[in-house]
């Protein structure tokens, strides 16, 4: 069953594990299991299957939160991601080597 989505408008800085550079993104909605994000730099070369690390800036709380995720789809400047634990990121990286 799909987790409920909650609309949001938080900004995030995203980097792809194993690649250099970051991109700014906006979270459009979020759930317990993932999020839909819109890339502020549409030419950012993210693809389904990429592992990413996001720093979400929570301006209302004056805090930031780090998350790891896997890109599951991309449609133009919008992508869906599923959140991963540190162990899951490590396992996926080992599987790819």
PDB file of N, CA and C in Angstrom:
ATOM      1  N   UNK A   1       0.837  -1.183   0.000  1.00  0.00           N
ATOM      2  CA  UNK A   1       0.000   0.000   0.000  1.00  0.00           C
ATOM      3  C   UNK A   1       0.883   1.248   0.000  1.00  0.00           C
ATOM      4  N   UNK A   2       0.520   2.195  -0.828  1.00  0.00           N
ATOM      5  CA  UNK A   2       1.288   3.434  -0.961  1.00  0.00           C
ATOM      6  C   UNK A   2       1.093   4.326   0.270  1.00  0.00           C
ATOM      7  N   UNK A   3       2.200   4.849   0.791  1.00  0.00           N
ATOM      8  CA  UNK A   3       2.149   5.728   1.967  1.00  0.00           C
ATOM      9  C   UNK A   3       1.511   7.065   1.594  1.00  0.00           C
ATOM     10  N   UNK A   4       0.752   7.681   2.500  1.00  0.00           N
ATOM     11  CA  UNK A   4       0.145   8.989   2.212  1.00  0.00           C
ATOM     12  C   UNK A   4       1.208  10.040   1.921  1.00  0.00           C
ATOM     13  N   UNK A   5       0.920  10.892   0.933  1.00  0.00           N
ATOM     14  CA  UNK A   5       1.820  11.988   0.563  1.00  0.00           C
ATOM     15  C   UNK A   5       1.330  13.275   1.233  1.00  0.00           C
ATOM     16  N   UNK A   6       2.304  14.099   1.631  1.00  0.00           N
ATOM     17  CA  UNK A   6       1.994  15.384   2.245  1.00  0.00           C
ATOM     18  C   UNK A   6       2.692  16.480   1.457  1.00  0.00           C
ATOM     19  N   UNK A   7       1.944  17.465   0.989  1.00  0.00           N
ATOM     20  CA  UNK A   7       2.572  18.538   0.206  1.00  0.00           C
ATOM     21  C   UNK A   7       3.568  19.323   1.062  1.00  0.00           C
ATOM     22  N   UNK A   8       4.631  19.762   0.407  1.00  0.00           N
ATOM     23  CA  UNK A   8       5.650  20.554   1.081  1.00  0.00           C
ATOM     24  C   UNK A   8       6.333  21.440   0.051  1.00  0.00           C
ATOM     25  N   UNK A   9       7.140  22.331   0.506  1.00  0.00           N
ATOM     26  CA  UNK A   9       7.853  23.235  -0.394  1.00  0.00           C
ATOM     27  C   UNK A   9       9.259  23.509   0.134  1.00  0.00           C
ATOM     28  N   UNK A  10       9.865  22.488   0.741  1.00  0.00           N
ATOM     29  CA  UNK A  10      11.203  22.649   1.317  1.00  0.00           C
ATOM     30  C   UNK A  10      12.265  22.543   0.232  1.00  0.00           C
ATOM     31  N   UNK A  11      13.344  23.273   0.413  1.00  0.00           N
ATOM     32  CA  UNK A  11      14.463  23.219  -0.527  1.00  0.00           C
ATOM     33  C   UNK A  11      15.495  22.210  -0.032  1.00  0.00           C
ATOM     34  N   UNK A  12      16.211  21.611  -0.981  1.00  0.00           N
ATOM     35  CA  UNK A  12      17.232  20.619  -0.637  1.00  0.00           C
ATOM     36  C   UNK A  12      18.423  20.768  -1.565  1.00  0.00           C
ATOM     37  N   UNK A  13      19.577  20.421  -1.042  1.00  0.00           N
ATOM     38  CA  UNK A  13      20.782  20.318  -1.856  1.00  0.00           C
ATOM     39  C   UNK A  13      21.042  18.825  -2.034  1.00  0.00           C
ATOM     40  N   UNK A  14      21.251  18.390  -3.279  1.00  0.00           N
ATOM     41  CA  UNK A  14      21.344  16.959  -3.582  1.00  0.00           C
ATOM     42  C   UNK A  14      22.665  16.654  -4.277  1.00  0.00           C
ATOM     43  N   UNK A  15      23.302  15.576  -3.840  1.00  0.00           N
ATOM     44  CA  UNK A  15      24.495  15.085  -4.521  1.00  0.00           C
ATOM     45  C   UNK A  15      24.281  13.611  -4.852  1.00  0.00           C
ATOM     46  N   UNK A  16      24.843  13.179  -5.958  1.00  0.00           N
ATOM     47  CA  UNK A  16      24.775  11.779  -6.356  1.00  0.00           C
ATOM     48  C   UNK A  16      26.013  11.086  -5.798  1.00  0.00           C
ATOM     49  N   UNK A  17      25.811   9.994  -5.068  1.00  0.00           N
ATOM     50  CA  UNK A  17      26.947   9.234  -4.547  1.00  0.00           C
ATOM     51  C   UNK A  17      27.859   8.819  -5.698  1.00  0.00           C
ATOM     52  N   UNK A  18      29.166   9.057  -5.536  1.00  0.00           N
ATOM     53  CA  UNK A  18      30.146   8.650  -6.527  1.00  0.00           C
ATOM     54  C   UNK A  18      30.363   9.652  -7.645  1.00  0.00           C
ATOM     55  N   UNK A  19      29.664  10.777  -7.627  1.00  0.00           N
ATOM     56  CA  UNK A  19      29.849  11.807  -8.646  1.00  0.00           C
ATOM     57  C   UNK A  19      30.111  13.136  -7.958  1.00  0.00           C
ATOM     58  N   UNK A  20      30.705  14.058  -8.683  1.00  0.00           N
ATOM     59  CA  UNK A  20      30.980  15.364  -8.103  1.00  0.00           C
ATOM     60  C   UNK A  20      29.859  16.330  -8.454  1.00  0.00           C
ATOM     61  N   UNK A  21      29.712  17.338  -7.641  1.00  0.00           N
ATOM     62  CA  UNK A  21      28.717  18.370  -7.890  1.00  0.00           C
ATOM     63  C   UNK A  21      27.420  18.121  -7.140  1.00  0.00           C
ATOM     64  N   UNK A  22      26.680  19.197  -6.968  1.00  0.00           N
ATOM     65  CA  UNK A  22      25.386  19.128  -6.307  1.00  0.00           C
ATOM     66  C   UNK A  22      24.367  19.898  -7.133  1.00  0.00           C
ATOM     67  N   UNK A  23      23.106  19.683  -6.812  1.00  0.00           N
ATOM     68  CA  UNK A  23      22.024  20.417  -7.457  1.00  0.00           C
ATOM     69  C   UNK A  23      21.027  20.851  -6.395  1.00  0.00           C
ATOM     70  N   UNK A  24      20.377  21.944  -6.644  1.00  0.00           N
ATOM     71  CA  UNK A  24      19.297  22.372  -5.765  1.00  0.00           C
ATOM     72  C   UNK A  24      17.996  21.769  -6.250  1.00  0.00           C
ATOM     73  N   UNK A  25      17.153  21.408  -5.298  1.00  0.00           N
ATOM     74  CA  UNK A  25      15.857  20.805  -5.621  1.00  0.00           C
ATOM     75  C   UNK A  25      14.821  21.321  -4.632  1.00  0.00           C
ATOM     76  N   UNK A  26      13.554  21.121  -4.989  1.00  0.00           N
ATOM     77  CA  UNK A  26      12.441  21.484  -4.112  1.00  0.00           C
ATOM     78  C   UNK A  26      11.606  20.235  -3.890  1.00  0.00           C
ATOM     79  N   UNK A  27      11.341  19.911  -2.635  1.00  0.00           N
ATOM     80  CA  UNK A  27      10.461  18.793  -2.338  1.00  0.00           C
ATOM     81  C   UNK A  27       9.025  19.220  -2.589  1.00  0.00           C
ATOM     82  N   UNK A  28       8.336  18.495  -3.462  1.00  0.00           N
ATOM     83  CA  UNK A  28       6.935  18.814  -3.779  1.00  0.00           C
ATOM     84  C   UNK A  28       5.984  18.107  -2.827  1.00  0.00           C
ATOM     85  N   UNK A  29       6.325  16.846  -2.501  1.00  0.00           N
ATOM     86  CA  UNK A  29       5.566  16.119  -1.485  1.00  0.00           C
ATOM     87  C   UNK A  29       6.483  15.117  -0.825  1.00  0.00           C
ATOM     88  N   UNK A  30       6.043  14.642   0.338  1.00  0.00           N
ATOM     89  CA  UNK A  30       6.880  13.727   1.113  1.00  0.00           C
ATOM     90  C   UNK A  30       5.977  12.714   1.809  1.00  0.00           C
ATOM     91  N   UNK A  31       6.521  11.525   2.022  1.00  0.00           N
ATOM     92  CA  UNK A  31       5.813  10.485   2.763  1.00  0.00           C
ATOM     93  C   UNK A  31       6.825   9.797   3.670  1.00  0.00           C
ATOM     94  N   UNK A  32       6.392   8.765   4.367  1.00  0.00           N
ATOM     95  CA  UNK A  32       7.320   8.003   5.217  1.00  0.00           C
ATOM     96  C   UNK A  32       8.386   7.309   4.384  1.00  0.00           C
ATOM     97  N   UNK A  33       8.034   6.948   3.152  1.00  0.00           N
ATOM     98  CA  UNK A  33       8.931   6.115   2.355  1.00  0.00           C
ATOM     99  C   UNK A  33       9.696   6.858   1.264  1.00  0.00           C
ATOM    100  N   UNK A  34       9.302   8.089   0.945  1.00  0.00           N
ATOM    101  CA  UNK A  34       9.987   8.789  -0.128  1.00  0.00           C
ATOM    102  C   UNK A  34       9.438  10.174  -0.366  1.00  0.00           C
ATOM    103  N   UNK A  35       9.786  10.710  -1.525  1.00  0.00           N
ATOM    104  CA  UNK A  35       9.379  12.074  -1.844  1.00  0.00           C
ATOM    105  C   UNK A  35       9.360  12.270  -3.353  1.00  0.00           C
ATOM    106  N   UNK A  36       8.687  13.315  -3.760  1.00  0.00           N
ATOM    107  CA  UNK A  36       8.719  13.786  -5.137  1.00  0.00           C
ATOM    108  C   UNK A  36       9.482  15.104  -5.109  1.00  0.00           C
ATOM    109  N   UNK A  37      10.512  15.190  -5.947  1.00  0.00           N
ATOM    110  CA  UNK A  37      11.325  16.398  -5.947  1.00  0.00           C
ATOM    111  C   UNK A  37      11.374  17.009  -7.338  1.00  0.00           C
ATOM    112  N   UNK A  38      11.476  18.319  -7.359  1.00  0.00           N
ATOM    113  CA  UNK A  38      11.612  19.063  -8.609  1.00  0.00           C
ATOM    114  C   UNK A  38      13.002  19.673  -8.642  1.00  0.00           C
ATOM    115  N   UNK A  39      13.736  19.382  -9.721  1.00  0.00           N
ATOM    116  CA  UNK A  39      15.100  19.876  -9.861  1.00  0.00           C
ATOM    117  C   UNK A  39      15.077  21.334 -10.276  1.00  0.00           C
ATOM    118  N   UNK A  40      15.800  22.176  -9.552  1.00  0.00           N
ATOM    119  CA  UNK A  40      15.893  23.594  -9.896  1.00  0.00           C
ATOM    120  C   UNK A  40      16.906  23.798 -11.015  1.00  0.00           C
ATOM    121  N   UNK A  41      17.734  22.791 -11.258  1.00  0.00           N
ATOM    122  CA  UNK A  41      18.673  22.771 -12.381  1.00  0.00           C
ATOM    123  C   UNK A  41      18.281  21.556 -13.229  1.00  0.00           C
ATOM    124  N   UNK A  42      17.343  21.718 -14.176  1.00  0.00           N
ATOM    125  CA  UNK A  42      16.791  20.569 -14.913  1.00  0.00           C
ATOM    126  C   UNK A  42      17.831  19.738 -15.657  1.00  0.00           C
ATOM    127  N   UNK A  43      19.001  20.295 -15.950  1.00  0.00           N
ATOM    128  CA  UNK A  43      20.014  19.537 -16.673  1.00  0.00           C
ATOM    129  C   UNK A  43      20.879  18.674 -15.742  1.00  0.00           C
ATOM    130  N   UNK A  44      20.563  18.655 -14.441  1.00  0.00           N
ATOM    131  CA  UNK A  44      21.298  17.817 -13.492  1.00  0.00           C
ATOM    132  C   UNK A  44      21.113  16.370 -13.917  1.00  0.00           C
ATOM    133  N   UNK A  45      22.218  15.662 -14.095  1.00  0.00           N
ATOM    134  CA  UNK A  45      22.219  14.339 -14.730  1.00  0.00           C
ATOM    135  C   UNK A  45      21.871  13.218 -13.755  1.00  0.00           C
ATOM    136  N   UNK A  46      20.703  13.285 -13.152  1.00  0.00           N
ATOM    137  CA  UNK A  46      20.252  12.213 -12.271  1.00  0.00           C
ATOM    138  C   UNK A  46      19.414  11.229 -13.089  1.00  0.00           C
ATOM    139  N   UNK A  47      19.587   9.940 -12.774  1.00  0.00           N
ATOM    140  CA  UNK A  47      18.876   8.885 -13.497  1.00  0.00           C
ATOM    141  C   UNK A  47      18.260   7.910 -12.503  1.00  0.00           C
ATOM    142  N   UNK A  48      17.186   7.219 -12.900  1.00  0.00           N
ATOM    143  CA  UNK A  48      16.652   6.167 -12.029  1.00  0.00           C
ATOM    144  C   UNK A  48      17.757   5.171 -11.661  1.00  0.00           C
ATOM    145  N   UNK A  49      17.789   4.798 -10.393  1.00  0.00           N
ATOM    146  CA  UNK A  49      18.823   3.906  -9.884  1.00  0.00           C
ATOM    147  C   UNK A  49      19.953   4.640  -9.186  1.00  0.00           C
ATOM    148  N   UNK A  50      20.104   5.949  -9.441  1.00  0.00           N
ATOM    149  CA  UNK A  50      21.151   6.717  -8.763  1.00  0.00           C
ATOM    150  C   UNK A  50      20.874   6.779  -7.266  1.00  0.00           C
ATOM    151  N   UNK A  51      21.931   6.684  -6.480  1.00  0.00           N
ATOM    152  CA  UNK A  51      21.852   6.865  -5.038  1.00  0.00           C
ATOM    153  C   UNK A  51      22.224   8.304  -4.735  1.00  0.00           C
ATOM    154  N   UNK A  52      21.397   8.981  -3.939  1.00  0.00           N
ATOM    155  CA  UNK A  52      21.627  10.398  -3.671  1.00  0.00           C
ATOM    156  C   UNK A  52      21.632  10.666  -2.173  1.00  0.00           C
ATOM    157  N   UNK A  53      22.292  11.741  -1.834  1.00  0.00           N
ATOM    158  CA  UNK A  53      22.288  12.255  -0.465  1.00  0.00           C
ATOM    159  C   UNK A  53      21.706  13.655  -0.532  1.00  0.00           C
ATOM    160  N   UNK A  54      20.713  13.900   0.297  1.00  0.00           N
ATOM    161  CA  UNK A  54      20.023  15.192   0.298  1.00  0.00           C
ATOM    162  C   UNK A  54      20.200  15.876   1.643  1.00  0.00           C
ATOM    163  N   UNK A  55      20.414  17.165   1.590  1.00  0.00           N
ATOM    164  CA  UNK A  55      20.371  17.999   2.786  1.00  0.00           C
ATOM    165  C   UNK A  55      19.157  18.887   2.640  1.00  0.00           C
ATOM    166  N   UNK A  56      18.144  18.628   3.458  1.00  0.00           N
ATOM    167  CA  UNK A  56      16.893  19.396   3.408  1.00  0.00           C
ATOM    168  C   UNK A  56      16.998  20.513   4.426  1.00  0.00           C
ATOM    169  N   UNK A  57      16.775  21.726   3.960  1.00  0.00           N
ATOM    170  CA  UNK A  57      16.850  22.894   4.834  1.00  0.00           C
ATOM    171  C   UNK A  57      15.456  23.195   5.380  1.00  0.00           C
ATOM    172  N   UNK A  58      15.287  23.019   6.687  1.00  0.00           N
ATOM    173  CA  UNK A  58      14.011  23.273   7.346  1.00  0.00           C
ATOM    174  C   UNK A  58      14.050  24.681   7.928  1.00  0.00           C
ATOM    175  N   UNK A  59      13.734  25.649   7.091  1.00  0.00           N
ATOM    176  CA  UNK A  59      13.872  27.054   7.482  1.00  0.00           C
ATOM    177  C   UNK A  59      13.021  27.422   8.684  1.00  0.00           C
ATOM    178  N   UNK A  60      11.808  26.884   8.768  1.00  0.00           N
ATOM    179  CA  UNK A  60      10.917  27.227   9.874  1.00  0.00           C
ATOM    180  C   UNK A  60      11.500  26.786  11.218  1.00  0.00           C
ATOM    181  N   UNK A  61      12.305  25.732  11.209  1.00  0.00           N
ATOM    182  CA  UNK A  61      12.915  25.220  12.437  1.00  0.00           C
ATOM    183  C   UNK A  61      14.378  25.637  12.581  1.00  0.00           C
ATOM    184  N   UNK A  62      14.899  26.333  11.570  1.00  0.00           N
ATOM    185  CA  UNK A  62      16.300  26.740  11.543  1.00  0.00           C
ATOM    186  C   UNK A  62      17.230  25.530  11.701  1.00  0.00           C
ATOM    187  N   UNK A  63      16.890  24.437  10.966  1.00  0.00           N
ATOM    188  CA  UNK A  63      17.662  23.206  11.021  1.00  0.00           C
ATOM    189  C   UNK A  63      17.798  22.640   9.619  1.00  0.00           C
ATOM    190  N   UNK A  64      18.661  21.652   9.493  1.00  0.00           N
ATOM    191  CA  UNK A  64      18.752  20.900   8.245  1.00  0.00           C
ATOM    192  C   UNK A  64      18.771  19.411   8.606  1.00  0.00           C
ATOM    193  N   UNK A  65      18.362  18.592   7.636  1.00  0.00           N
ATOM    194  CA  UNK A  65      18.269  17.153   7.859  1.00  0.00           C
ATOM    195  C   UNK A  65      18.884  16.435   6.664  1.00  0.00           C
ATOM    196  N   UNK A  66      19.762  15.460   6.917  1.00  0.00           N
ATOM    197  CA  UNK A  66      20.400  14.690   5.847  1.00  0.00           C
ATOM    198  C   UNK A  66      19.657  13.382   5.625  1.00  0.00           C
ATOM    199  N   UNK A  67      19.409  13.066   4.358  1.00  0.00           N
ATOM    200  CA  UNK A  67      18.705  11.848   3.973  1.00  0.00           C
ATOM    201  C   UNK A  67      19.440  11.180   2.831  1.00  0.00           C
ATOM    202  N   UNK A  68      19.387   9.865   2.794  1.00  0.00           N
ATOM    203  CA  UNK A  68      19.872   9.110   1.636  1.00  0.00           C
ATOM    204  C   UNK A  68      18.664   8.531   0.932  1.00  0.00           C
ATOM    205  N   UNK A  69      18.769   8.397  -0.398  1.00  0.00           N
ATOM    206  CA  UNK A  69      17.631   7.906  -1.167  1.00  0.00           C
ATOM    207  C   UNK A  69      18.107   7.313  -2.486  1.00  0.00           C
ATOM    208  N   UNK A  70      17.203   6.617  -3.143  1.00  0.00           N
ATOM    209  CA  UNK A  70      17.435   6.098  -4.489  1.00  0.00           C
ATOM    210  C   UNK A  70      16.400   6.715  -5.415  1.00  0.00           C
ATOM    211  N   UNK A  71      16.852   7.177  -6.567  1.00  0.00           N
ATOM    212  CA  UNK A  71      15.930   7.734  -7.568  1.00  0.00           C
ATOM    213  C   UNK A  71      15.200   6.562  -8.215  1.00  0.00           C
ATOM    214  N   UNK A  72      13.862   6.598  -8.194  1.00  0.00           N
ATOM    215  CA  UNK A  72      13.093   5.495  -8.780  1.00  0.00           C
ATOM    216  C   UNK A  72      12.479   5.876 -10.125  1.00  0.00           C
ATOM    217  N   UNK A  73      12.277   7.159 -10.365  1.00  0.00           N
ATOM    218  CA  UNK A  73      11.802   7.604 -11.675  1.00  0.00           C
ATOM    219  C   UNK A  73      12.182   9.055 -11.900  1.00  0.00           C
ATOM    220  N   UNK A  74      12.212   9.431 -13.173  1.00  0.00           N
ATOM    221  CA  UNK A  74      12.473  10.830 -13.559  1.00  0.00           C
ATOM    222  C   UNK A  74      11.600  11.159 -14.756  1.00  0.00           C
ATOM    223  N   UNK A  75      10.939  12.305 -14.692  1.00  0.00           N
ATOM    224  CA  UNK A  75      10.097  12.789 -15.780  1.00  0.00           C
ATOM    225  C   UNK A  75      10.396  14.277 -15.942  1.00  0.00           C
ATOM    226  N   UNK A  76      11.260  14.595 -16.887  1.00  0.00           N
ATOM    227  CA  UNK A  76      11.656  15.998 -17.075  1.00  0.00           C
ATOM    228  C   UNK A  76      12.431  16.489 -15.867  1.00  0.00           C
ATOM    229  N   UNK A  77      11.926  17.534 -15.229  1.00  0.00           N
ATOM    230  CA  UNK A  77      12.622  18.116 -14.077  1.00  0.00           C
ATOM    231  C   UNK A  77      12.088  17.597 -12.742  1.00  0.00           C
ATOM    232  N   UNK A  78      11.301  16.521 -12.766  1.00  0.00           N
ATOM    233  CA  UNK A  78      10.724  15.955 -11.552  1.00  0.00           C
ATOM    234  C   UNK A  78      11.179  14.506 -11.386  1.00  0.00           C
ATOM    235  N   UNK A  79      11.467  14.115 -10.146  1.00  0.00           N
ATOM    236  CA  UNK A  79      11.877  12.743  -9.849  1.00  0.00           C
ATOM    237  C   UNK A  79      11.178  12.236  -8.603  1.00  0.00           C
ATOM    238  N   UNK A  80      11.016  10.921  -8.550  1.00  0.00           N
ATOM    239  CA  UNK A  80      10.536  10.262  -7.344  1.00  0.00           C
ATOM    240  C   UNK A  80      11.698   9.540  -6.700  1.00  0.00           C
ATOM    241  N   UNK A  81      11.781   9.638  -5.378  1.00  0.00           N
ATOM    242  CA  UNK A  81      12.862   8.981  -4.651  1.00  0.00           C
ATOM    243  C   UNK A  81      12.273   8.145  -3.518  1.00  0.00           C
ATOM    244  N   UNK A  82      12.989   7.086  -3.170  1.00  0.00           N
ATOM    245  CA  UNK A  82      12.639   6.290  -2.003  1.00  0.00           C
ATOM    246  C   UNK A  82      13.774   6.410  -0.992  1.00  0.00           C
ATOM    247  N   UNK A  83      13.420   6.653   0.262  1.00  0.00           N
ATOM    248  CA  UNK A  83      14.427   6.846   1.293  1.00  0.00           C
ATOM    249  C   UNK A  83      15.123   5.532   1.626  1.00  0.00           C
ATOM    250  N   UNK A  84      16.418   5.629   1.954  1.00  0.00           N
ATOM    251  CA  UNK A  84      17.228   4.468   2.296  1.00  0.00           C
ATOM    252  C   UNK A  84      17.945   4.706   3.620  1.00  0.00           C
ATOM    253  N   UNK A  85      18.175   3.632   4.350  1.00  0.00           N
ATOM    254  CA  UNK A  85      19.023   3.712   5.536  1.00  0.00           C
ATOM    255  C   UNK A  85      20.487   3.679   5.078  1.00  0.00           C
ATOM    256  N   UNK A  86      21.392   3.982   5.978  1.00  0.00           N
ATOM    257  CA  UNK A  86      22.820   3.922   5.650  1.00  0.00           C
ATOM    258  C   UNK A  86      23.220   2.508   5.245  1.00  0.00           C
ATOM    259  N   UNK A  87      22.670   1.503   5.917  1.00  0.00           N
ATOM    260  CA  UNK A  87      22.973   0.116   5.574  1.00  0.00           C
ATOM    261  C   UNK A  87      22.492  -0.220   4.164  1.00  0.00           C
ATOM    262  N   UNK A  88      21.310   0.269   3.782  1.00  0.00           N
ATOM    263  CA  UNK A  88      20.781   0.005   2.447  1.00  0.00           C
ATOM    264  C   UNK A  88      21.649   0.662   1.375  1.00  0.00           C
ATOM    265  N   UNK A  89      22.124   1.867   1.640  1.00  0.00           N
ATOM    266  CA  UNK A  89      23.017   2.543   0.689  1.00  0.00           C
ATOM    267  C   UNK A  89      24.279   1.707   0.514  1.00  0.00           C
ATOM    268  N   UNK A  90      24.867   1.270   1.616  1.00  0.00           N
ATOM    269  CA  UNK A  90      26.080   0.460   1.569  1.00  0.00           C
ATOM    270  C   UNK A  90      25.840  -0.825   0.773  1.00  0.00           C
ATOM    271  N   UNK A  91      24.736  -1.519   1.049  1.00  0.00           N
ATOM    272  CA  UNK A  91      24.418  -2.767   0.337  1.00  0.00           C
ATOM    273  C   UNK A  91      24.289  -2.529  -1.168  1.00  0.00           C
ATOM    274  N   UNK A  92      23.606  -1.460  -1.554  1.00  0.00           N
ATOM    275  CA  UNK A  92      23.430  -1.172  -2.982  1.00  0.00           C
ATOM    276  C   UNK A  92      24.758  -0.834  -3.649  1.00  0.00           C
ATOM    277  N   UNK A  93      25.614  -0.120  -2.933  1.00  0.00           N
ATOM    278  CA  UNK A  93      26.927   0.208  -3.503  1.00  0.00           C
ATOM    279  C   UNK A  93      27.759  -1.060  -3.695  1.00  0.00           C
ATOM    280  N   UNK A  94      27.719  -1.972  -2.737  1.00  0.00           N
ATOM    281  CA  UNK A  94      28.455  -3.235  -2.845  1.00  0.00           C
ATOM    282  C   UNK A  94      27.912  -4.051  -4.012  1.00  0.00           C
ATOM    283  N   UNK A  95      26.591  -4.088  -4.179  1.00  0.00           N
ATOM    284  CA  UNK A  95      25.973  -4.844  -5.279  1.00  0.00           C
ATOM    285  C   UNK A  95      26.447  -4.341  -6.652  1.00  0.00           C
ATOM    286  N   UNK A  96      26.771  -3.078  -6.752  1.00  0.00           N
ATOM    287  CA  UNK A  96      27.128  -2.466  -8.038  1.00  0.00           C
ATOM    288  C   UNK A  96      28.602  -2.597  -8.375  1.00  0.00           C
ATOM    289  N   UNK A  97      29.399  -3.095  -7.432  1.00  0.00           N
ATOM    290  CA  UNK A  97      30.834  -3.225  -7.725  1.00  0.00           C
ATOM    291  C   UNK A  97      31.180  -4.605  -8.199  1.00  0.00           C
TER     292      UNK A  97
END
